[in-house]
Amino acid sequence: MIIHPDVTLDRVAEAVERAHSSLDNPGFCICCGAEAEGVEPDARKYECESCGEPGVYGAEELLLYLAMAG
């Protein structure tokens, strides 16, 4: 999986922490790097509101992927 360079491990980890301490449900588009709201933690390939591509993943899903890849 190719991930936009703006979607970093630090950025995703911060979003997961935020989700655990608030009502936020963050996700990220791996195509354009945009942050998305209202995304289930295990979401995969949701349509991005910014670029229209099916590249939005839940923050927890991406954290697992990035931790395994890194």
PDB file of N, CA and C in Angstrom:
ATOM      1  N   MET A   1       0.856  -1.171   0.000  1.00  0.00           N
ATOM      2  CA  MET A   1       0.000   0.000   0.000  1.00  0.00           C
ATOM      3  C   MET A   1       0.904   1.237   0.000  1.00  0.00           C
ATOM      4  N   ILE A   2       0.608   2.154  -0.900  1.00  0.00           N
ATOM      5  CA  ILE A   2       1.335   3.423  -0.974  1.00  0.00           C
ATOM      6  C   ILE A   2       0.570   4.451  -0.156  1.00  0.00           C
ATOM      7  N   ILE A   3       1.271   5.087   0.787  1.00  0.00           N
ATOM      8  CA  ILE A   3       0.645   6.050   1.690  1.00  0.00           C
ATOM      9  C   ILE A   3       1.237   7.433   1.448  1.00  0.00           C
ATOM     10  N   HIS A   4       0.377   8.425   1.338  1.00  0.00           N
ATOM     11  CA  HIS A   4       0.795   9.819   1.141  1.00  0.00           C
ATOM     12  C   HIS A   4       1.796  10.201   2.240  1.00  0.00           C
ATOM     13  N   PRO A   5       2.859  10.944   1.898  1.00  0.00           N
ATOM     14  CA  PRO A   5       3.884  11.288   2.899  1.00  0.00           C
ATOM     15  C   PRO A   5       3.383  12.140   4.061  1.00  0.00           C
ATOM     16  N   ASP A   6       2.236  12.804   3.929  1.00  0.00           N
ATOM     17  CA  ASP A   6       1.681  13.591   5.031  1.00  0.00           C
ATOM     18  C   ASP A   6       1.058  12.711   6.121  1.00  0.00           C
ATOM     19  N   VAL A   7       0.788  11.459   5.798  1.00  0.00           N
ATOM     20  CA  VAL A   7       0.196  10.533   6.764  1.00  0.00           C
ATOM     21  C   VAL A   7       1.348   9.821   7.478  1.00  0.00           C
ATOM     22  N   THR A   8       1.801  10.445   8.563  1.00  0.00           N
ATOM     23  CA  THR A   8       2.957   9.930   9.304  1.00  0.00           C
ATOM     24  C   THR A   8       2.517   9.127  10.521  1.00  0.00           C
ATOM     25  N   LEU A   9       3.427   8.321  11.033  1.00  0.00           N
ATOM     26  CA  LEU A   9       3.150   7.538  12.223  1.00  0.00           C
ATOM     27  C   LEU A   9       2.795   8.452  13.393  1.00  0.00           C
ATOM     28  N   ASP A  10       3.522   9.547  13.560  1.00  0.00           N
ATOM     29  CA  ASP A  10       3.236  10.484  14.655  1.00  0.00           C
ATOM     30  C   ASP A  10       1.839  11.097  14.519  1.00  0.00           C
ATOM     31  N   ARG A  11       1.478  11.491  13.320  1.00  0.00           N
ATOM     32  CA  ARG A  11       0.177  12.117  13.085  1.00  0.00           C
ATOM     33  C   ARG A  11      -0.961  11.137  13.348  1.00  0.00           C
ATOM     34  N   VAL A  12      -0.791   9.901  12.911  1.00  0.00           N
ATOM     35  CA  VAL A  12      -1.826   8.883  13.104  1.00  0.00           C
ATOM     36  C   VAL A  12      -1.922   8.503  14.583  1.00  0.00           C
ATOM     37  N   ALA A  13      -0.785   8.355  15.260  1.00  0.00           N
ATOM     38  CA  ALA A  13      -0.799   8.018  16.688  1.00  0.00           C
ATOM     39  C   ALA A  13      -1.494   9.107  17.499  1.00  0.00           C
ATOM     40  N   GLU A  14      -1.259  10.367  17.157  1.00  0.00           N
ATOM     41  CA  GLU A  14      -1.917  11.479  17.843  1.00  0.00           C
ATOM     42  C   GLU A  14      -3.423  11.415  17.626  1.00  0.00           C
ATOM     43  N   ALA A  15      -3.847  11.060  16.433  1.00  0.00           N
ATOM     44  CA  ALA A  15      -5.277  10.955  16.131  1.00  0.00           C
ATOM     45  C   ALA A  15      -5.917   9.816  16.918  1.00  0.00           C
ATOM     46  N   VAL A  16      -5.217   8.705  17.063  1.00  0.00           N
ATOM     47  CA  VAL A  16      -5.742   7.578  17.842  1.00  0.00           C
ATOM     48  C   VAL A  16      -5.877   7.985  19.307  1.00  0.00           C
ATOM     49  N   GLU A  17      -4.884   8.667  19.845  1.00  0.00           N
ATOM     50  CA  GLU A  17      -4.966   9.157  21.231  1.00  0.00           C
ATOM     51  C   GLU A  17      -6.146  10.104  21.403  1.00  0.00           C
ATOM     52  N   ARG A  18      -6.319  10.991  20.431  1.00  0.00           N
ATOM     53  CA  ARG A  18      -7.435  11.940  20.472  1.00  0.00           C
ATOM     54  C   ARG A  18      -8.777  11.200  20.453  1.00  0.00           C
ATOM     55  N   ALA A  19      -8.868  10.147  19.664  1.00  0.00           N
ATOM     56  CA  ALA A  19     -10.100   9.371  19.568  1.00  0.00           C
ATOM     57  C   ALA A  19     -10.432   8.687  20.890  1.00  0.00           C
ATOM     58  N   HIS A  20      -9.406   8.294  21.624  1.00  0.00           N
ATOM     59  CA  HIS A  20      -9.629   7.601  22.895  1.00  0.00           C
ATOM     60  C   HIS A  20     -10.007   8.554  24.025  1.00  0.00           C
ATOM     61  N   SER A  21      -9.736   9.845  23.848  1.00  0.00           N
ATOM     62  CA  SER A  21     -10.016  10.804  24.921  1.00  0.00           C
ATOM     63  C   SER A  21     -11.104  11.816  24.553  1.00  0.00           C
ATOM     64  N   SER A  22     -11.761  11.615  23.416  1.00  0.00           N
ATOM     65  CA  SER A  22     -12.809  12.544  22.991  1.00  0.00           C
ATOM     66  C   SER A  22     -13.833  11.790  22.148  1.00  0.00           C
ATOM     67  N   LEU A  23     -14.715  12.527  21.528  1.00  0.00           N
ATOM     68  CA  LEU A  23     -15.711  11.923  20.649  1.00  0.00           C
ATOM     69  C   LEU A  23     -15.277  11.913  19.189  1.00  0.00           C
ATOM     70  N   ASP A  24     -14.020  12.286  18.925  1.00  0.00           N
ATOM     71  CA  ASP A  24     -13.508  12.300  17.555  1.00  0.00           C
ATOM     72  C   ASP A  24     -13.413  10.878  17.008  1.00  0.00           C
ATOM     73  N   ASN A  25     -13.657  10.732  15.726  1.00  0.00           N
ATOM     74  CA  ASN A  25     -13.465   9.478  15.001  1.00  0.00           C
ATOM     75  C   ASN A  25     -12.645   9.795  13.757  1.00  0.00           C
ATOM     76  N   PRO A  26     -11.332  10.017  13.938  1.00  0.00           N
ATOM     77  CA  PRO A  26     -10.505  10.441  12.817  1.00  0.00           C
ATOM     78  C   PRO A  26     -10.091   9.300  11.894  1.00  0.00           C
ATOM     79  N   GLY A  27      -9.825   9.688  10.686  1.00  0.00           N
ATOM     80  CA  GLY A  27      -9.270   8.799   9.691  1.00  0.00           C
ATOM     81  C   GLY A  27      -8.405   9.636   8.767  1.00  0.00           C
ATOM     82  N   PHE A  28      -7.715   8.981   7.846  1.00  0.00           N
ATOM     83  CA  PHE A  28      -6.829   9.688   6.924  1.00  0.00           C
ATOM     84  C   PHE A  28      -6.961   9.108   5.532  1.00  0.00           C
ATOM     85  N   CYS A  29      -6.838   9.984   4.541  1.00  0.00           N
ATOM     86  CA  CYS A  29      -6.810   9.540   3.152  1.00  0.00           C
ATOM     87  C   CYS A  29      -5.363   9.256   2.780  1.00  0.00           C
ATOM     88  N   ILE A  30      -5.103   8.032   2.369  1.00  0.00           N
ATOM     89  CA  ILE A  30      -3.736   7.676   1.986  1.00  0.00           C
ATOM     90  C   ILE A  30      -3.384   8.192   0.593  1.00  0.00           C
ATOM     91  N   CYS A  31      -4.383   8.690  -0.144  1.00  0.00           N
ATOM     92  CA  CYS A  31      -4.147   9.218  -1.487  1.00  0.00           C
ATOM     93  C   CYS A  31      -3.705  10.680  -1.465  1.00  0.00           C
ATOM     94  N   CYS A  32      -4.403  11.507  -0.649  1.00  0.00           N
ATOM     95  CA  CYS A  32      -4.094  12.941  -0.641  1.00  0.00           C
ATOM     96  C   CYS A  32      -3.554  13.448   0.696  1.00  0.00           C
ATOM     97  N   GLY A  33      -3.641  12.637   1.757  1.00  0.00           N
ATOM     98  CA  GLY A  33      -3.123  13.026   3.061  1.00  0.00           C
ATOM     99  C   GLY A  33      -4.102  13.771   3.941  1.00  0.00           C
ATOM    100  N   ALA A  34      -5.323  13.990   3.472  1.00  0.00           N
ATOM    101  CA  ALA A  34      -6.316  14.739   4.252  1.00  0.00           C
ATOM    102  C   ALA A  34      -6.798  13.926   5.439  1.00  0.00           C
ATOM    103  N   GLU A  35      -7.129  14.644   6.520  1.00  0.00           N
ATOM    104  CA  GLU A  35      -7.740  13.995   7.673  1.00  0.00           C
ATOM    105  C   GLU A  35      -9.252  14.001   7.468  1.00  0.00           C
ATOM    106  N   ALA A  36      -9.885  12.910   7.826  1.00  0.00           N
ATOM    107  CA  ALA A  36     -11.334  12.773   7.696  1.00  0.00           C
ATOM    108  C   ALA A  36     -11.940  12.580   9.078  1.00  0.00           C
ATOM    109  N   GLU A  37     -13.173  13.014   9.246  1.00  0.00           N
ATOM    110  CA  GLU A  37     -13.896  12.859  10.514  1.00  0.00           C
ATOM    111  C   GLU A  37     -15.044  11.871  10.346  1.00  0.00           C
ATOM    112  N   GLY A  38     -15.467  11.278  11.452  1.00  0.00           N
ATOM    113  CA  GLY A  38     -16.595  10.357  11.422  1.00  0.00           C
ATOM    114  C   GLY A  38     -16.268   9.038  10.761  1.00  0.00           C
ATOM    115  N   VAL A  39     -15.035   8.570  10.962  1.00  0.00           N
ATOM    116  CA  VAL A  39     -14.562   7.341  10.325  1.00  0.00           C
ATOM    117  C   VAL A  39     -14.407   6.253  11.389  1.00  0.00           C
ATOM    118  N   GLU A  40     -14.984   5.090  11.160  1.00  0.00           N
ATOM    119  CA  GLU A  40     -14.820   3.992  12.104  1.00  0.00           C
ATOM    120  C   GLU A  40     -13.335   3.634  12.224  1.00  0.00           C
ATOM    121  N   PRO A  41     -12.902   3.182  13.396  1.00  0.00           N
ATOM    122  CA  PRO A  41     -11.482   2.866  13.595  1.00  0.00           C
ATOM    123  C   PRO A  41     -10.932   1.836  12.609  1.00  0.00           C
ATOM    124  N   ASP A  42     -11.773   0.886  12.171  1.00  0.00           N
ATOM    125  CA  ASP A  42     -11.300  -0.166  11.270  1.00  0.00           C
ATOM    126  C   ASP A  42     -11.705   0.063   9.813  1.00  0.00           C
ATOM    127  N   ALA A  43     -12.064   1.299   9.480  1.00  0.00           N
ATOM    128  CA  ALA A  43     -12.504   1.617   8.112  1.00  0.00           C
ATOM    129  C   ALA A  43     -11.382   1.399   7.097  1.00  0.00           C
ATOM    130  N   ARG A  44     -11.771   0.984   5.914  1.00  0.00           N
ATOM    131  CA  ARG A  44     -10.837   0.787   4.798  1.00  0.00           C
ATOM    132  C   ARG A  44     -11.503   1.236   3.507  1.00  0.00           C
ATOM    133  N   LYS A  45     -10.774   2.004   2.734  1.00  0.00           N
ATOM    134  CA  LYS A  45     -11.180   2.390   1.382  1.00  0.00           C
ATOM    135  C   LYS A  45     -12.487   3.174   1.310  1.00  0.00           C
ATOM    136  N   TYR A  46     -12.740   4.027   2.302  1.00  0.00           N
ATOM    137  CA  TYR A  46     -13.886   4.922   2.227  1.00  0.00           C
ATOM    138  C   TYR A  46     -13.564   6.036   1.239  1.00  0.00           C
ATOM    139  N   GLU A  47     -14.585   6.616   0.656  1.00  0.00           N
ATOM    140  CA  GLU A  47     -14.382   7.712  -0.291  1.00  0.00           C
ATOM    141  C   GLU A  47     -13.951   8.979   0.450  1.00  0.00           C
ATOM    142  N   CYS A  48     -12.915   9.627  -0.051  1.00  0.00           N
ATOM    143  CA  CYS A  48     -12.389  10.856   0.539  1.00  0.00           C
ATOM    144  C   CYS A  48     -13.220  12.049   0.071  1.00  0.00           C
ATOM    145  N   GLU A  49     -13.629  12.896   1.020  1.00  0.00           N
ATOM    146  CA  GLU A  49     -14.391  14.096   0.672  1.00  0.00           C
ATOM    147  C   GLU A  49     -13.514  15.146  -0.005  1.00  0.00           C
ATOM    148  N   SER A  50     -12.198  15.073   0.192  1.00  0.00           N
ATOM    149  CA  SER A  50     -11.288  16.055  -0.406  1.00  0.00           C
ATOM    150  C   SER A  50     -10.919  15.723  -1.849  1.00  0.00           C
ATOM    151  N   CYS A  51     -10.559  14.460  -2.095  1.00  0.00           N
ATOM    152  CA  CYS A  51     -10.073  14.110  -3.434  1.00  0.00           C
ATOM    153  C   CYS A  51     -10.969  13.141  -4.193  1.00  0.00           C
ATOM    154  N   GLY A  52     -11.948  12.529  -3.501  1.00  0.00           N
ATOM    155  CA  GLY A  52     -12.867  11.619  -4.167  1.00  0.00           C
ATOM    156  C   GLY A  52     -12.369  10.200  -4.343  1.00  0.00           C
ATOM    157  N   GLU A  53     -11.145   9.940  -3.960  1.00  0.00           N
ATOM    158  CA  GLU A  53     -10.577   8.595  -4.103  1.00  0.00           C
ATOM    159  C   GLU A  53     -11.012   7.695  -2.939  1.00  0.00           C
ATOM    160  N   PRO A  54     -11.023   6.383  -3.154  1.00  0.00           N
ATOM    161  CA  PRO A  54     -11.368   5.459  -2.064  1.00  0.00           C
ATOM    162  C   PRO A  54     -10.136   5.169  -1.201  1.00  0.00           C
ATOM    163  N   GLY A  55      -9.654   6.204  -0.510  1.00  0.00           N
ATOM    164  CA  GLY A  55      -8.404   6.062   0.230  1.00  0.00           C
ATOM    165  C   GLY A  55      -8.479   6.375   1.704  1.00  0.00           C
ATOM    166  N   VAL A  56      -9.678   6.510   2.265  1.00  0.00           N
ATOM    167  CA  VAL A  56      -9.794   6.853   3.684  1.00  0.00           C
ATOM    168  C   VAL A  56      -9.787   5.585   4.534  1.00  0.00           C
ATOM    169  N   TYR A  57      -8.887   5.587   5.503  1.00  0.00           N
ATOM    170  CA  TYR A  57      -8.754   4.484   6.450  1.00  0.00           C
ATOM    171  C   TYR A  57      -8.916   5.041   7.856  1.00  0.00           C
ATOM    172  N   GLY A  58      -9.466   4.237   8.759  1.00  0.00           N
ATOM    173  CA  GLY A  58      -9.570   4.638  10.148  1.00  0.00           C
ATOM    174  C   GLY A  58      -8.185   4.803  10.755  1.00  0.00           C
ATOM    175  N   ALA A  59      -8.070   5.702  11.721  1.00  0.00           N
ATOM    176  CA  ALA A  59      -6.772   5.976  12.333  1.00  0.00           C
ATOM    177  C   ALA A  59      -6.180   4.723  12.983  1.00  0.00           C
ATOM    178  N   GLU A  60      -6.990   3.943  13.670  1.00  0.00           N
ATOM    179  CA  GLU A  60      -6.468   2.732  14.319  1.00  0.00           C
ATOM    180  C   GLU A  60      -6.012   1.704  13.287  1.00  0.00           C
ATOM    181  N   GLU A  61      -6.744   1.584  12.199  1.00  0.00           N
ATOM    182  CA  GLU A  61      -6.358   0.669  11.119  1.00  0.00           C
ATOM    183  C   GLU A  61      -5.001   1.075  10.542  1.00  0.00           C
ATOM    184  N   LEU A  62      -4.832   2.387  10.291  1.00  0.00           N
ATOM    185  CA  LEU A  62      -3.564   2.861   9.766  1.00  0.00           C
ATOM    186  C   LEU A  62      -2.435   2.723  10.766  1.00  0.00           C
ATOM    187  N   LEU A  63      -2.712   2.942  12.046  1.00  0.00           N
ATOM    188  CA  LEU A  63      -1.680   2.807  13.066  1.00  0.00           C
ATOM    189  C   LEU A  63      -1.141   1.372  13.072  1.00  0.00           C
ATOM    190  N   LEU A  64      -2.021   0.401  12.995  1.00  0.00           N
ATOM    191  CA  LEU A  64      -1.581  -0.993  12.945  1.00  0.00           C
ATOM    192  C   LEU A  64      -0.713  -1.249  11.718  1.00  0.00           C
ATOM    193  N   TYR A  65      -1.152  -0.754  10.577  1.00  0.00           N
ATOM    194  CA  TYR A  65      -0.389  -0.955   9.341  1.00  0.00           C
ATOM    195  C   TYR A  65       0.989  -0.300   9.427  1.00  0.00           C
ATOM    196  N   LEU A  66       1.022   0.948   9.875  1.00  0.00           N
ATOM    197  CA  LEU A  66       2.293   1.677   9.939  1.00  0.00           C
ATOM    198  C   LEU A  66       3.245   1.068  10.961  1.00  0.00           C
ATOM    199  N   ALA A  67       2.719   0.579  12.064  1.00  0.00           N
ATOM    200  CA  ALA A  67       3.551  -0.055  13.089  1.00  0.00           C
ATOM    201  C   ALA A  67       4.161  -1.350  12.551  1.00  0.00           C
ATOM    202  N   MET A  68       3.393  -2.100  11.775  1.00  0.00           N
ATOM    203  CA  MET A  68       3.879  -3.371  11.215  1.00  0.00           C
ATOM    204  C   MET A  68       4.877  -3.112  10.083  1.00  0.00           C
ATOM    205  N   ALA A  69       4.654  -2.057   9.314  1.00  0.00           N
ATOM    206  CA  ALA A  69       5.510  -1.758   8.162  1.00  0.00           C
ATOM    207  C   ALA A  69       6.826  -1.106   8.593  1.00  0.00           C
ATOM    208  N   GLY A  70       6.796  -0.399   9.705  1.00  0.00           N
ATOM    209  CA  GLY A  70       7.953   0.375  10.145  1.00  0.00           C
ATOM    210  C   GLY A  70       8.927  -0.428  10.871  1.00  0.00           C
TER     211      GLY A  70
END
